[in-house]
Amino acid sequence: MSSLVFFILIRPVNCIADDDELTQQLNAITRRPFDKPSDLALAEAESLKLVHEGSGASIKGQVYLAIEKMYAKDIGAHRDKVAEYCEQVLKAPQSAPDSGQVYLDWGSALEFQNQTARDAVVRRRIVTPYLRGFNLVHASQAPEKLQSPPGVGKYD
């Protein structure tokens, strides 16, 4: 019985270490200099190897976010990859700032994809990620409890 209690108490610490290890591996892969387009494809393949069969949504989200950030450094040249990975990232839980940045990158990628066609359907498709990101960030900054107004003249 004591070994079961020990396992339950130690397991969350190991999960945190695994997340740190994953972050270090992703940083080593995606933050090196890329001189050729083939370097980006190689880094993408190496990053995707970190996603194992049955990996949780959190791990997949971290890997896809790292790949999206890597391609977002030059959205104009990699707009299709950015849009693809933005959709994948948003399927997994992310922090509000990360999600907001992903929505911004997604909107920018859609703008680059549709530079010539500007009908109402295309404009709506482009603006939707921007509005979703704005709503998400705005909602995350709202205080849970509103402060009472100042007591100017309260005791006159």
C-alpha atoms as a PDB file:
ATOM      1  CA  MET A   1       0.000   0.000   0.000  1.00  0.00           C
ATOM      2  CA  SER A   2       2.788   2.440   0.802  1.00  0.00           C
ATOM      3  CA  SER A   3       4.289   1.983  -2.670  1.00  0.00           C
ATOM      4  CA  LEU A   4       0.935   2.921  -4.226  1.00  0.00           C
ATOM      5  CA  VAL A   5       0.800   6.110  -2.175  1.00  0.00           C
ATOM      6  CA  PHE A   6       4.411   6.850  -3.112  1.00  0.00           C
ATOM      7  CA  PHE A   7       3.589   6.390  -6.833  1.00  0.00           C
ATOM      8  CA  ILE A   8       0.559   8.698  -6.601  1.00  0.00           C
ATOM      9  CA  LEU A   9       2.583  11.384  -4.857  1.00  0.00           C
ATOM     10  CA  ILE A  10       5.561  11.167  -7.227  1.00  0.00           C
ATOM     11  CA  ARG A  11       3.736  10.802 -10.579  1.00  0.00           C
ATOM     12  CA  PRO A  12       2.732  14.487 -11.046  1.00  0.00           C
ATOM     13  CA  VAL A  13       6.357  15.539 -10.520  1.00  0.00           C
ATOM     14  CA  ASN A  14       7.428  13.188 -13.325  1.00  0.00           C
ATOM     15  CA  CYS A  15       4.770  14.674 -15.634  1.00  0.00           C
ATOM     16  CA  ILE A  16       6.150  18.150 -15.034  1.00  0.00           C
ATOM     17  CA  ALA A  17       9.675  16.926 -15.778  1.00  0.00           C
ATOM     18  CA  ASP A  18       8.395  15.352 -19.008  1.00  0.00           C
ATOM     19  CA  ASP A  19       6.867  18.689 -20.055  1.00  0.00           C
ATOM     20  CA  ASP A  20      10.152  20.467 -19.357  1.00  0.00           C
ATOM     21  CA  GLU A  21      12.027  17.826 -21.328  1.00  0.00           C
ATOM     22  CA  LEU A  22       9.605  18.186 -24.248  1.00  0.00           C
ATOM     23  CA  THR A  23      10.015  21.965 -24.178  1.00  0.00           C
ATOM     24  CA  GLN A  24      13.810  21.637 -24.215  1.00  0.00           C
ATOM     25  CA  GLN A  25      13.684  19.183 -27.126  1.00  0.00           C
ATOM     26  CA  LEU A  26      11.348  21.442 -29.108  1.00  0.00           C
ATOM     27  CA  ASN A  27      13.525  24.484 -28.442  1.00  0.00           C
ATOM     28  CA  ALA A  28      16.617  22.606 -29.606  1.00  0.00           C
ATOM     29  CA  ILE A  29      14.852  21.603 -32.827  1.00  0.00           C
ATOM     30  CA  THR A  30      12.924  24.754 -33.767  1.00  0.00           C
ATOM     31  CA  ARG A  31      15.218  27.558 -32.606  1.00  0.00           C
ATOM     32  CA  ARG A  32      18.301  26.721 -34.600  1.00  0.00           C
ATOM     33  CA  PRO A  33      19.139  28.771 -37.710  1.00  0.00           C
ATOM     34  CA  PHE A  34      17.458  27.649 -40.930  1.00  0.00           C
ATOM     35  CA  ASP A  35      19.511  28.469 -43.998  1.00  0.00           C
ATOM     36  CA  LYS A  36      17.562  26.416 -46.532  1.00  0.00           C
ATOM     37  CA  PRO A  37      13.878  25.518 -46.897  1.00  0.00           C
ATOM     38  CA  SER A  38      14.832  21.862 -46.473  1.00  0.00           C
ATOM     39  CA  ASP A  39      16.064  22.719 -42.948  1.00  0.00           C
ATOM     40  CA  LEU A  40      12.529  23.789 -42.006  1.00  0.00           C
ATOM     41  CA  ALA A  41      11.060  20.555 -43.363  1.00  0.00           C
ATOM     42  CA  LEU A  42      13.644  18.546 -41.429  1.00  0.00           C
ATOM     43  CA  ALA A  43      12.879  20.429 -38.200  1.00  0.00           C
ATOM     44  CA  GLU A  44       9.162  19.861 -38.791  1.00  0.00           C
ATOM     45  CA  ALA A  45       9.728  16.113 -39.239  1.00  0.00           C
ATOM     46  CA  GLU A  46      11.911  15.942 -36.106  1.00  0.00           C
ATOM     47  CA  SER A  47       9.273  17.792 -34.096  1.00  0.00           C
ATOM     48  CA  LEU A  48       6.485  15.533 -35.318  1.00  0.00           C
ATOM     49  CA  LYS A  49       8.492  12.497 -34.166  1.00  0.00           C
ATOM     50  CA  LEU A  50       7.960  13.747 -30.599  1.00  0.00           C
ATOM     51  CA  VAL A  51       4.239  13.095 -30.985  1.00  0.00           C
ATOM     52  CA  HIS A  52       3.804   9.427 -30.203  1.00  0.00           C
ATOM     53  CA  GLU A  53       0.823   7.173 -30.739  1.00  0.00           C
ATOM     54  CA  GLY A  54      -1.658   7.963 -27.973  1.00  0.00           C
ATOM     55  CA  SER A  55       0.041  11.226 -26.971  1.00  0.00           C
ATOM     56  CA  GLY A  56      -2.230  13.549 -25.085  1.00  0.00           C
ATOM     57  CA  ALA A  57      -3.760  16.673 -26.558  1.00  0.00           C
ATOM     58  CA  SER A  58      -1.428  18.821 -24.475  1.00  0.00           C
ATOM     59  CA  ILE A  59       1.712  17.268 -25.968  1.00  0.00           C
ATOM     60  CA  LYS A  60       0.334  17.484 -29.493  1.00  0.00           C
ATOM     61  CA  GLY A  61      -0.626  21.102 -28.869  1.00  0.00           C
ATOM     62  CA  GLN A  62       2.878  21.981 -27.667  1.00  0.00           C
ATOM     63  CA  VAL A  63       4.515  20.331 -30.667  1.00  0.00           C
ATOM     64  CA  TYR A  64       2.132  21.921 -33.174  1.00  0.00           C
ATOM     65  CA  LEU A  65       2.572  25.318 -31.489  1.00  0.00           C
ATOM     66  CA  ALA A  66       6.363  25.077 -31.775  1.00  0.00           C
ATOM     67  CA  ILE A  67       6.095  24.156 -35.464  1.00  0.00           C
ATOM     68  CA  GLU A  68       3.600  26.963 -36.091  1.00  0.00           C
ATOM     69  CA  LYS A  69       5.912  29.505 -34.437  1.00  0.00           C
ATOM     70  CA  MET A  70       8.807  28.229 -36.525  1.00  0.00           C
ATOM     71  CA  TYR A  71       6.902  28.741 -39.787  1.00  0.00           C
ATOM     72  CA  ALA A  72       5.281  32.007 -38.619  1.00  0.00           C
ATOM     73  CA  LYS A  73       8.669  33.731 -38.654  1.00  0.00           C
ATOM     74  CA  ASP A  74       8.064  34.150 -42.401  1.00  0.00           C
ATOM     75  CA  ILE A  75       4.284  33.959 -42.814  1.00  0.00           C
ATOM     76  CA  GLY A  76       4.354  35.231 -46.387  1.00  0.00           C
ATOM     77  CA  ALA A  77       6.512  32.355 -47.601  1.00  0.00           C
ATOM     78  CA  HIS A  78       4.887  29.653 -45.443  1.00  0.00           C
ATOM     79  CA  ARG A  79       1.269  30.800 -45.273  1.00  0.00           C
ATOM     80  CA  ASP A  80      -0.188  27.364 -46.060  1.00  0.00           C
ATOM     81  CA  LYS A  81       1.827  25.616 -43.330  1.00  0.00           C
ATOM     82  CA  VAL A  82       0.998  28.372 -40.824  1.00  0.00           C
ATOM     83  CA  ALA A  83      -2.729  28.099 -41.518  1.00  0.00           C
ATOM     84  CA  GLU A  84      -2.585  24.295 -41.298  1.00  0.00           C
ATOM     85  CA  TYR A  85      -0.748  24.248 -37.964  1.00  0.00           C
ATOM     86  CA  CYS A  86      -2.860  27.048 -36.478  1.00  0.00           C
ATOM     87  CA  GLU A  87      -5.917  24.863 -36.921  1.00  0.00           C
ATOM     88  CA  GLN A  88      -4.098  21.936 -35.280  1.00  0.00           C
ATOM     89  CA  VAL A  89      -2.848  24.055 -32.347  1.00  0.00           C
ATOM     90  CA  LEU A  90      -6.310  25.369 -31.535  1.00  0.00           C
ATOM     91  CA  LYS A  91      -7.672  21.823 -31.153  1.00  0.00           C
ATOM     92  CA  ALA A  92      -5.549  21.456 -28.006  1.00  0.00           C
ATOM     93  CA  PRO A  93      -5.759  23.574 -24.852  1.00  0.00           C
ATOM     94  CA  GLN A  94      -3.370  26.539 -24.867  1.00  0.00           C
ATOM     95  CA  SER A  95      -2.840  29.591 -22.696  1.00  0.00           C
ATOM     96  CA  ALA A  96      -4.740  32.731 -23.666  1.00  0.00           C
ATOM     97  CA  PRO A  97      -1.641  34.615 -24.909  1.00  0.00           C
ATOM     98  CA  ASP A  98      -0.503  31.644 -27.015  1.00  0.00           C
ATOM     99  CA  SER A  99      -3.986  31.136 -28.444  1.00  0.00           C
ATOM    100  CA  GLY A 100      -4.281  34.854 -29.188  1.00  0.00           C
ATOM    101  CA  GLN A 101      -0.981  34.804 -31.083  1.00  0.00           C
ATOM    102  CA  VAL A 102      -2.058  31.698 -33.005  1.00  0.00           C
ATOM    103  CA  TYR A 103      -5.311  33.389 -34.038  1.00  0.00           C
ATOM    104  CA  LEU A 104      -3.303  36.445 -35.156  1.00  0.00           C
ATOM    105  CA  ASP A 105      -0.905  34.293 -37.192  1.00  0.00           C
ATOM    106  CA  TRP A 106      -3.831  32.381 -38.697  1.00  0.00           C
ATOM    107  CA  GLY A 107      -5.524  35.594 -39.809  1.00  0.00           C
ATOM    108  CA  SER A 108      -2.268  36.850 -41.325  1.00  0.00           C
ATOM    109  CA  ALA A 109      -1.759  33.570 -43.183  1.00  0.00           C
ATOM    110  CA  LEU A 110      -5.293  33.757 -44.575  1.00  0.00           C
ATOM    111  CA  GLU A 111      -4.649  37.333 -45.711  1.00  0.00           C
ATOM    112  CA  PHE A 112      -1.528  36.225 -47.590  1.00  0.00           C
ATOM    113  CA  GLN A 113      -3.417  33.286 -49.134  1.00  0.00           C
ATOM    114  CA  ASN A 114      -6.235  35.519 -50.395  1.00  0.00           C
ATOM    115  CA  GLN A 115      -4.478  38.680 -51.535  1.00  0.00           C
ATOM    116  CA  THR A 116      -6.298  38.896 -54.856  1.00  0.00           C
ATOM    117  CA  ALA A 117      -9.826  37.715 -53.994  1.00  0.00           C
ATOM    118  CA  ARG A 118     -11.613  40.178 -51.723  1.00  0.00           C
ATOM    119  CA  ASP A 119     -15.302  39.287 -51.907  1.00  0.00           C
ATOM    120  CA  ALA A 120     -17.453  39.165 -48.769  1.00  0.00           C
ATOM    121  CA  VAL A 121     -16.989  35.438 -48.178  1.00  0.00           C
ATOM    122  CA  VAL A 122     -13.205  35.705 -48.262  1.00  0.00           C
ATOM    123  CA  ARG A 123     -13.178  38.784 -46.033  1.00  0.00           C
ATOM    124  CA  ARG A 124     -15.379  36.986 -43.493  1.00  0.00           C
ATOM    125  CA  ARG A 125     -13.068  33.960 -43.584  1.00  0.00           C
ATOM    126  CA  ILE A 126     -10.060  36.214 -42.965  1.00  0.00           C
ATOM    127  CA  VAL A 127     -11.558  38.280 -40.157  1.00  0.00           C
ATOM    128  CA  THR A 128     -12.989  35.330 -38.197  1.00  0.00           C
ATOM    129  CA  PRO A 129      -9.658  34.253 -36.605  1.00  0.00           C
ATOM    130  CA  TYR A 130      -8.884  37.864 -35.682  1.00  0.00           C
ATOM    131  CA  LEU A 131     -12.245  38.269 -33.929  1.00  0.00           C
ATOM    132  CA  ARG A 132     -11.988  34.911 -32.148  1.00  0.00           C
ATOM    133  CA  GLY A 133      -8.531  35.814 -30.889  1.00  0.00           C
ATOM    134  CA  PHE A 134      -9.682  39.250 -29.762  1.00  0.00           C
ATOM    135  CA  ASN A 135     -12.651  37.766 -27.898  1.00  0.00           C
ATOM    136  CA  LEU A 136     -10.456  35.158 -26.234  1.00  0.00           C
ATOM    137  CA  VAL A 137      -7.822  37.631 -25.066  1.00  0.00           C
ATOM    138  CA  HIS A 138     -10.438  40.157 -23.989  1.00  0.00           C
ATOM    139  CA  ALA A 139     -12.309  37.538 -21.943  1.00  0.00           C
ATOM    140  CA  SER A 140      -9.099  36.342 -20.284  1.00  0.00           C
ATOM    141  CA  GLN A 141      -8.261  39.861 -19.116  1.00  0.00           C
ATOM    142  CA  ALA A 142     -11.648  40.528 -17.521  1.00  0.00           C
ATOM    143  CA  PRO A 143     -11.439  40.524 -13.721  1.00  0.00           C
ATOM    144  CA  GLU A 144     -13.485  37.887 -11.906  1.00  0.00           C
ATOM    145  CA  LYS A 145     -14.766  40.377  -9.362  1.00  0.00           C
ATOM    146  CA  LEU A 146     -15.402  43.985 -10.314  1.00  0.00           C
ATOM    147  CA  GLN A 147     -14.028  46.631  -7.990  1.00  0.00           C
ATOM    148  CA  SER A 148     -16.423  49.036  -6.391  1.00  0.00           C
ATOM    149  CA  PRO A 149     -16.237  52.619  -7.647  1.00  0.00           C
ATOM    150  CA  PRO A 150     -14.042  54.994  -5.672  1.00  0.00           C
ATOM    151  CA  GLY A 151     -15.625  56.623  -2.681  1.00  0.00           C
ATOM    152  CA  VAL A 152     -15.194  60.235  -3.796  1.00  0.00           C
ATOM    153  CA  GLY A 153     -17.629  62.306  -1.813  1.00  0.00           C
ATOM    154  CA  LYS A 154     -18.827  59.194   0.020  1.00  0.00           C
ATOM    155  CA  TYR A 155     -18.526  60.709   3.484  1.00  0.00           C
ATOM    156  CA  ASP A 156     -19.549  64.337   2.733  1.00  0.00           C
END
